Amino acid sequence: MTIDEKNLQRLREKYGTGHGGDVHTPRFRRVADRIFNAKGTRALPYGGVPTFLSAPYRPVGPDETDFGDLQVALIGVPMDLGVTNRAGSRFGPRALRTIERIGPYNHVLDCMPVGELVAADVGDVPFRSRYELEGCHADIEAFFRRFVEKGVATLAVGGDHSISHPILRAVGRDRPVGLIHIDAHCDTGGAYDGTKFHHGGPFRNAVLDGVLDPKRTIQIGIRGAAEYLWEFSTDSGMTVIHAEEFAAMGPEAVIAKAREVVGDGPTYLSFDIDSLDPAFAPGTGTPEIGGLSTREALQLLRGLKGLDIIAGDVVEVAPQYDATANTAHAGAQMLFEILSLMVFSPSVGGRRD
């Protein structure tokens, strides 16, 4: 068989010179133009100050309330005083910031979130004390409220899952929001050991505070031995899809159910890394076997395109339990997917295609 000399000549003329940033397809060209300079050079990997998703760093002062044209604030919440098992998710934000090679292009959603949104890593919540759980929650709520009041969407990296409660108090202060909650646990338990502010109860607290609408809440991937603690979920009207049901229904049916439950109203998206099977994400405080694969989680998140995602979080990455850094890598990828969804959120990016 002889080679097609005409096609070979065409390819040589088109691709034989130039550099890797010389991309011809328009939808890919916009990505290449952001990454490569005119000489075909890219930013030095692992150079400079690490930020979430390599977003610009815009630290926020203690009294700052003017955020300019900022659309999405990426915020670290290094606090794990609410854990009931293994501590260590206070190191989650730092671990996710060190992950390279996430994005910038989402080939399934066809978007470049850090390029299309005005998004920035604004640093970490400043805590008055590293020892007082309730005080930390008050600091989280106050910090996030500053952004919410200025119409800036927030995307948090925890920290343990108790941080979702004070964030929801800020996000849902003027009206209760819906919730897509991807997790091994419902996190709707009552008070343990003298406090209700632990990581096993943020969504019960949020409902009782009037900032979360249980009828517009769906919890996906639930499993493990703590089922007896989650009666509040069903009693309040939440939709619960266990991991076993996820496997039986399939991702597309679960996506359809999630879209039906939250509708077109403002929605919070909370991703606990322990929703993934420990084979994919062992670095977490309360691992449960039988969870989602990373591929299933990606399909699930990408199927939420167009919903009004106004805020979200990725929580419970405890990197010291995973020498491979795979858990932090998975967490950073999920953060990227949620930020990608915000490109198409009517309240944030507003892209309709």
Protein backbone atom coordinates (compact mmCIF):
# COMPACT_ATOMS: atom_id res chain seq x y z
CA MET A 1 0.00 0.00 0.00
CA THR A 2 1.39 3.41 -0.97
CA ILE A 3 1.05 6.51 1.10
CA ASP A 4 -1.28 9.30 0.00
CA GLU A 5 1.37 11.77 -1.15
CA LYS A 6 -1.14 14.56 -1.68
CA ASN A 7 -2.45 14.28 1.87
CA LEU A 8 1.09 14.00 3.23
CA GLN A 9 2.08 17.20 1.44
CA ARG A 10 -0.99 18.96 2.85
CA LEU A 11 -0.10 17.88 6.37
CA ARG A 12 3.51 18.97 5.95
CA GLU A 13 2.46 22.41 4.79
CA LYS A 14 -0.03 22.80 7.63
CA TYR A 15 1.83 21.21 10.51
CA GLY A 16 5.46 20.89 9.48
CA THR A 17 6.54 24.25 10.85
CA GLY A 18 5.58 26.43 13.78
CA HIS A 19 5.08 25.23 17.35
CA GLY A 20 2.61 23.37 19.53
CA GLY A 21 0.54 26.49 20.04
CA ASP A 22 -0.23 26.81 16.34
CA VAL A 23 -3.70 25.30 16.56
CA HIS A 24 -6.10 25.67 13.63
CA THR A 25 -9.47 24.52 15.00
CA PRO A 26 -11.20 27.70 16.31
CA ARG A 27 -12.59 26.17 19.52
CA PHE A 28 -9.15 24.82 20.40
CA ARG A 29 -7.33 27.91 19.22
CA ARG A 30 -8.78 30.00 22.03
CA VAL A 31 -7.28 27.56 24.51
CA ALA A 32 -3.86 27.50 22.87
CA ASP A 33 -3.75 31.29 22.67
CA ARG A 34 -4.14 31.43 26.44
CA ILE A 35 -1.42 28.88 27.16
CA PHE A 36 1.28 29.62 24.58
CA ASN A 37 3.06 32.89 23.91
CA ALA A 38 4.05 34.00 20.41
CA LYS A 39 7.24 31.93 20.54
CA GLY A 40 5.42 28.77 21.58
CA THR A 41 6.57 28.85 25.18
CA ARG A 42 4.31 27.85 28.06
CA ALA A 43 4.49 28.80 31.71
CA LEU A 44 7.11 26.90 33.65
CA PRO A 45 5.45 23.95 35.43
CA TYR A 46 5.67 24.01 39.22
CA GLY A 47 6.92 27.58 39.13
CA GLY A 48 5.49 30.48 41.09
CA VAL A 49 2.94 30.47 43.89
CA PRO A 50 0.52 27.51 43.62
CA THR A 51 -3.16 28.42 43.47
CA PHE A 52 -6.39 26.50 42.97
CA LEU A 53 -6.58 25.45 39.29
CA SER A 54 -3.71 27.87 38.56
CA ALA A 55 -6.18 30.74 38.88
CA PRO A 56 -4.88 34.25 39.51
CA TYR A 57 -4.08 35.01 43.14
CA ARG A 58 -6.08 37.92 44.56
CA PRO A 59 -5.75 37.90 48.35
CA VAL A 60 -8.53 39.63 50.22
CA GLY A 61 -7.81 42.00 53.08
CA PRO A 62 -9.64 41.75 56.42
CA ASP A 63 -11.97 44.68 55.68
CA GLU A 64 -12.10 44.49 51.88
CA THR A 65 -15.57 44.61 50.33
CA ASP A 66 -14.83 45.82 46.80
CA PHE A 67 -14.04 42.81 44.62
CA GLY A 68 -14.18 44.58 41.28
CA ASP A 69 -15.28 42.38 38.40
CA LEU A 70 -14.69 39.10 40.26
CA GLN A 71 -17.29 36.45 39.39
CA VAL A 72 -16.04 33.43 41.36
CA ALA A 73 -13.94 33.39 44.52
CA LEU A 74 -11.99 30.18 45.13
CA ILE A 75 -11.57 29.97 48.89
CA GLY A 76 -9.56 27.66 51.11
CA VAL A 77 -11.11 26.57 54.40
CA PRO A 78 -8.34 24.71 56.29
CA MET A 79 -10.39 23.58 59.30
CA ASP A 80 -11.14 20.04 60.46
CA LEU A 81 -12.29 20.46 64.05
CA GLY A 82 -15.59 18.76 63.18
CA VAL A 83 -14.29 15.32 62.21
CA THR A 84 -15.60 12.17 63.89
CA ASN A 85 -12.89 9.80 62.65
CA ARG A 86 -9.47 10.64 61.13
CA ALA A 87 -8.34 14.27 61.22
CA GLY A 88 -6.25 15.88 58.50
CA SER A 89 -8.52 17.58 55.99
CA ARG A 90 -7.19 20.92 57.23
CA PHE A 91 -4.38 20.16 54.78
CA GLY A 92 -6.82 19.75 51.88
CA PRO A 93 -6.60 23.30 50.47
CA ARG A 94 -2.81 23.22 50.43
CA ALA A 95 -2.80 19.79 48.75
CA LEU A 96 -5.22 20.85 46.01
CA ARG A 97 -3.23 23.99 45.29
CA THR A 98 -0.13 21.92 44.51
CA ILE A 99 -1.85 19.81 41.86
CA GLU A 100 -0.78 20.73 38.31
CA ARG A 101 -2.22 19.68 34.94
CA ILE A 102 -5.88 20.25 35.79
CA GLY A 103 -7.49 22.06 32.88
CA PRO A 104 -7.50 24.64 31.51
CA TYR A 105 -9.85 23.11 28.92
CA ASN A 106 -12.89 20.93 29.66
CA HIS A 107 -13.29 18.91 26.48
CA VAL A 108 -16.72 17.51 27.40
CA LEU A 109 -18.33 20.82 28.36
CA ASP A 110 -16.22 22.70 25.78
CA CYS A 111 -15.24 25.51 28.10
CA MET A 112 -12.15 27.02 29.69
CA PRO A 113 -13.47 28.14 33.08
CA VAL A 114 -10.48 30.10 34.34
CA GLY A 115 -10.33 31.86 30.97
CA GLU A 116 -14.06 32.47 30.55
CA LEU A 117 -14.90 33.47 34.11
CA VAL A 118 -13.25 36.15 36.22
CA ALA A 119 -12.16 33.68 38.87
CA ALA A 120 -9.41 34.02 41.44
CA ASP A 121 -7.91 32.23 44.40
CA VAL A 122 -8.57 34.72 47.20
CA GLY A 123 -6.71 32.79 49.88
CA ASP A 124 -7.97 31.11 53.04
CA VAL A 125 -10.59 32.02 55.60
CA PRO A 126 -8.82 33.80 58.47
CA PHE A 127 -9.67 32.06 61.75
CA ARG A 128 -9.56 33.80 65.13
CA SER A 129 -8.65 30.50 66.80
CA ARG A 130 -7.57 27.11 65.54
CA TYR A 131 -9.18 25.40 68.54
CA GLU A 132 -12.80 26.62 68.69
CA LEU A 133 -15.18 24.87 66.28
CA GLU A 134 -18.15 27.22 66.69
CA GLY A 135 -15.90 30.26 66.37
CA CYS A 136 -14.42 28.88 63.15
CA HIS A 137 -17.92 28.44 61.75
CA ALA A 138 -18.74 32.05 62.58
CA ASP A 139 -15.55 33.15 60.80
CA ILE A 140 -16.45 31.07 57.73
CA GLU A 141 -19.95 32.52 57.51
CA ALA A 142 -18.70 36.10 57.88
CA PHE A 143 -15.98 35.64 55.25
CA PHE A 144 -18.28 34.08 52.66
CA ARG A 145 -21.04 36.59 53.32
CA ARG A 146 -18.76 39.40 52.14
CA PHE A 147 -18.61 37.79 48.69
CA VAL A 148 -22.27 36.77 48.57
CA GLU A 149 -23.40 40.31 49.38
CA LYS A 150 -21.42 41.58 46.37
CA GLY A 151 -22.86 38.97 44.02
CA VAL A 152 -19.65 36.93 43.81
CA ALA A 153 -20.11 33.16 43.55
CA THR A 154 -17.99 31.07 45.90
CA LEU A 155 -16.24 27.73 45.48
CA ALA A 156 -14.69 26.37 48.67
CA VAL A 157 -12.04 23.76 49.39
CA GLY A 158 -12.16 22.18 52.81
CA GLY A 159 -11.59 21.21 55.41
CA ASP A 160 -14.15 18.85 56.82
CA HIS A 161 -17.78 18.80 55.73
CA SER A 162 -18.98 20.85 58.68
CA ILE A 163 -17.87 23.94 56.71
CA SER A 164 -20.87 23.57 54.38
CA HIS A 165 -23.26 24.71 57.11
CA PRO A 166 -21.81 28.21 57.67
CA ILE A 167 -21.29 28.63 53.92
CA LEU A 168 -24.95 27.79 53.32
CA ARG A 169 -25.92 30.27 56.04
CA ALA A 170 -24.21 32.93 53.93
CA VAL A 171 -25.39 31.71 50.53
CA GLY A 172 -28.98 31.00 51.59
CA ARG A 173 -29.51 33.96 53.89
CA ASP A 174 -32.03 35.73 51.63
CA ARG A 175 -33.77 32.57 50.34
CA PRO A 176 -33.26 28.84 50.86
CA VAL A 177 -31.25 27.15 48.13
CA GLY A 178 -31.33 23.68 46.62
CA LEU A 179 -28.53 21.16 47.04
CA ILE A 180 -26.81 18.46 45.02
CA HIS A 181 -24.81 16.56 47.59
CA ILE A 182 -22.41 13.82 46.42
CA ASP A 183 -21.12 11.84 49.38
CA ALA A 184 -20.88 8.48 51.13
CA HIS A 185 -22.85 9.91 54.06
CA CYS A 186 -26.02 12.01 54.30
CA ASP A 187 -24.50 14.28 56.98
CA THR A 188 -27.89 14.96 58.53
CA GLY A 189 -27.14 13.61 61.99
CA GLY A 190 -27.90 15.26 65.31
CA ALA A 191 -25.58 16.50 68.05
CA TYR A 192 -22.62 14.28 68.89
CA ASP A 193 -20.57 14.67 72.04
CA GLY A 194 -22.11 17.99 72.94
CA THR A 195 -22.10 19.79 69.59
CA LYS A 196 -24.23 19.83 66.46
CA PHE A 197 -21.55 21.52 64.35
CA HIS A 198 -19.60 18.40 63.38
CA HIS A 199 -19.12 17.10 59.84
CA GLY A 200 -21.94 14.58 60.20
CA GLY A 201 -24.72 17.17 60.52
CA PRO A 202 -24.27 20.27 58.30
CA PHE A 203 -27.32 19.70 56.15
CA ARG A 204 -29.71 19.05 59.05
CA ASN A 205 -28.44 22.30 60.56
CA ALA A 206 -28.89 24.17 57.27
CA VAL A 207 -32.48 22.97 56.87
CA LEU A 208 -33.37 23.88 60.45
CA ASP A 209 -31.80 27.32 59.93
CA GLY A 210 -34.08 27.86 56.95
CA VAL A 211 -31.25 28.30 54.42
CA LEU A 212 -31.58 24.91 52.66
CA ASP A 213 -34.75 23.60 50.99
CA PRO A 214 -34.95 19.85 51.70
CA LYS A 215 -37.49 19.31 48.90
CA ARG A 216 -34.86 20.64 46.46
CA THR A 217 -32.08 18.49 47.92
CA ILE A 218 -30.67 15.28 46.46
CA GLN A 219 -27.97 13.17 48.11
CA ILE A 220 -26.07 10.76 45.84
CA GLY A 221 -23.71 7.86 46.59
CA ILE A 222 -24.82 7.19 50.17
CA ARG A 223 -23.57 3.94 51.73
CA GLY A 224 -21.90 2.42 54.77
CA ALA A 225 -22.84 1.51 58.31
CA ALA A 226 -24.15 4.94 59.44
CA GLU A 227 -27.53 4.66 57.70
CA TYR A 228 -29.35 4.67 61.05
CA LEU A 229 -28.19 8.25 61.61
CA TRP A 230 -29.78 9.71 58.46
CA GLU A 231 -33.54 9.55 59.12
CA PHE A 232 -33.72 13.36 58.94
CA SER A 233 -32.98 13.20 55.22
CA THR A 234 -36.07 11.25 54.25
CA ASP A 235 -38.27 12.78 56.96
CA SER A 236 -37.52 16.29 55.73
CA GLY A 237 -38.22 15.42 52.11
CA MET A 238 -34.71 15.02 50.71
CA THR A 239 -34.14 12.59 47.84
CA VAL A 240 -31.52 9.97 48.72
CA ILE A 241 -29.84 7.76 46.12
CA HIS A 242 -27.65 5.11 47.68
CA ALA A 243 -24.53 3.83 45.96
CA GLU A 244 -26.28 0.54 45.24
CA GLU A 245 -29.16 2.41 43.60
CA PHE A 246 -26.70 4.48 41.58
CA ALA A 247 -25.27 1.29 40.09
CA ALA A 248 -28.75 -0.07 39.32
CA MET A 249 -30.14 3.18 37.88
CA GLY A 250 -27.07 4.22 35.93
CA PRO A 251 -25.55 7.71 35.75
CA GLU A 252 -27.97 9.12 33.18
CA ALA A 253 -31.03 8.30 35.28
CA VAL A 254 -29.39 9.77 38.37
CA ILE A 255 -28.53 12.94 36.45
CA ALA A 256 -32.13 13.24 35.28
CA LYS A 257 -33.38 12.81 38.85
CA ALA A 258 -30.97 15.44 40.17
CA ARG A 259 -32.08 17.93 37.53
CA GLU A 260 -35.71 17.22 38.36
CA VAL A 261 -35.19 17.68 42.11
CA VAL A 262 -33.33 21.00 42.03
CA GLY A 263 -35.15 22.45 39.02
CA ASP A 264 -34.07 25.86 37.77
CA GLY A 265 -33.63 27.51 41.18
CA PRO A 266 -30.35 28.52 42.87
CA THR A 267 -28.40 25.42 43.83
CA TYR A 268 -25.39 24.58 45.98
CA LEU A 269 -23.14 21.68 44.89
CA SER A 270 -21.22 19.87 47.62
CA PHE A 271 -18.71 17.15 46.72
CA ASP A 272 -17.27 15.04 49.52
CA ILE A 273 -14.22 13.16 48.26
CA ASP A 274 -15.34 10.08 50.20
CA SER A 275 -18.16 9.72 47.67
CA LEU A 276 -15.42 8.09 45.58
CA ASP A 277 -14.43 4.53 46.34
CA PRO A 278 -11.23 4.33 48.45
CA ALA A 279 -9.59 2.63 45.49
CA PHE A 280 -9.66 6.06 43.83
CA ALA A 281 -9.46 8.33 46.88
CA PRO A 282 -8.04 6.71 50.03
CA GLY A 283 -6.92 10.05 51.49
CA THR A 284 -10.00 10.95 53.49
CA GLY A 285 -11.22 10.77 57.05
CA THR A 286 -14.18 8.37 56.73
CA PRO A 287 -13.60 6.09 53.73
CA GLU A 288 -16.38 3.70 52.67
CA ILE A 289 -15.87 0.93 50.13
CA GLY A 290 -18.34 0.51 47.27
CA GLY A 291 -18.30 4.11 46.12
CA LEU A 292 -18.30 5.93 42.81
CA SER A 293 -15.45 5.68 40.36
CA THR A 294 -13.80 8.88 39.16
CA ARG A 295 -15.31 8.26 35.71
CA GLU A 296 -18.82 8.01 37.18
CA ALA A 297 -18.29 11.16 39.23
CA LEU A 298 -17.14 13.08 36.17
CA GLN A 299 -20.12 11.91 34.14
CA LEU A 300 -22.47 12.86 36.97
CA LEU A 301 -21.06 16.36 37.36
CA ARG A 302 -20.90 17.08 33.66
CA GLY A 303 -24.54 16.07 33.33
CA LEU A 304 -25.50 19.04 35.54
CA LYS A 305 -24.58 21.58 32.85
CA GLY A 306 -27.01 24.51 32.71
CA LEU A 307 -28.26 24.27 36.30
CA ASP A 308 -28.11 27.43 38.41
CA ILE A 309 -25.02 26.45 40.43
CA ILE A 310 -24.34 29.51 42.59
CA ALA A 311 -21.81 28.04 45.05
CA GLY A 312 -20.13 24.80 45.94
CA ASP A 313 -17.40 22.99 47.79
CA VAL A 314 -14.98 20.07 47.64
CA VAL A 315 -14.29 18.70 51.10
CA GLU A 316 -12.66 15.99 53.21
CA VAL A 317 -9.39 15.57 51.29
CA ALA A 318 -6.90 14.43 53.93
CA PRO A 319 -3.71 14.07 51.88
CA GLN A 320 -1.52 12.43 54.50
CA TYR A 321 -3.47 9.17 54.12
CA ASP A 322 -2.55 8.90 50.43
CA ALA A 323 1.13 8.76 49.52
CA THR A 324 0.25 8.76 45.79
CA ALA A 325 -1.50 12.19 45.85
CA ASN A 326 -4.32 10.58 43.83
CA THR A 327 -6.94 11.83 46.29
CA ALA A 328 -5.80 15.43 45.97
CA HIS A 329 -5.65 15.01 42.20
CA ALA A 330 -9.23 13.72 42.13
CA GLY A 331 -10.34 16.56 44.39
CA ALA A 332 -8.73 19.17 42.16
CA GLN A 333 -10.41 17.64 39.11
CA MET A 334 -13.82 17.79 40.80
CA LEU A 335 -13.14 21.42 41.70
CA PHE A 336 -12.40 22.09 38.04
CA GLU A 337 -15.65 20.40 36.98
CA ILE A 338 -17.74 22.49 39.37
CA LEU A 339 -16.05 25.68 38.18
CA SER A 340 -16.76 24.54 34.61
CA LEU A 341 -20.46 24.20 35.49
CA MET A 342 -20.43 27.78 36.72
CA VAL A 343 -19.59 28.92 33.17
CA PHE A 344 -23.10 27.77 32.22
CA SER A 345 -24.86 28.80 35.43
CA PRO A 346 -27.43 31.56 34.69
CA SER A 347 -26.41 33.40 37.87
CA VAL A 348 -22.64 33.20 37.27
CA GLY A 349 -21.31 32.79 33.72
CA GLY A 350 -24.55 32.62 31.81
CA ARG A 351 -23.20 30.80 28.72
CA ARG A 352 -26.13 29.07 27.04
CA ASP A 353 -24.50 26.84 24.43
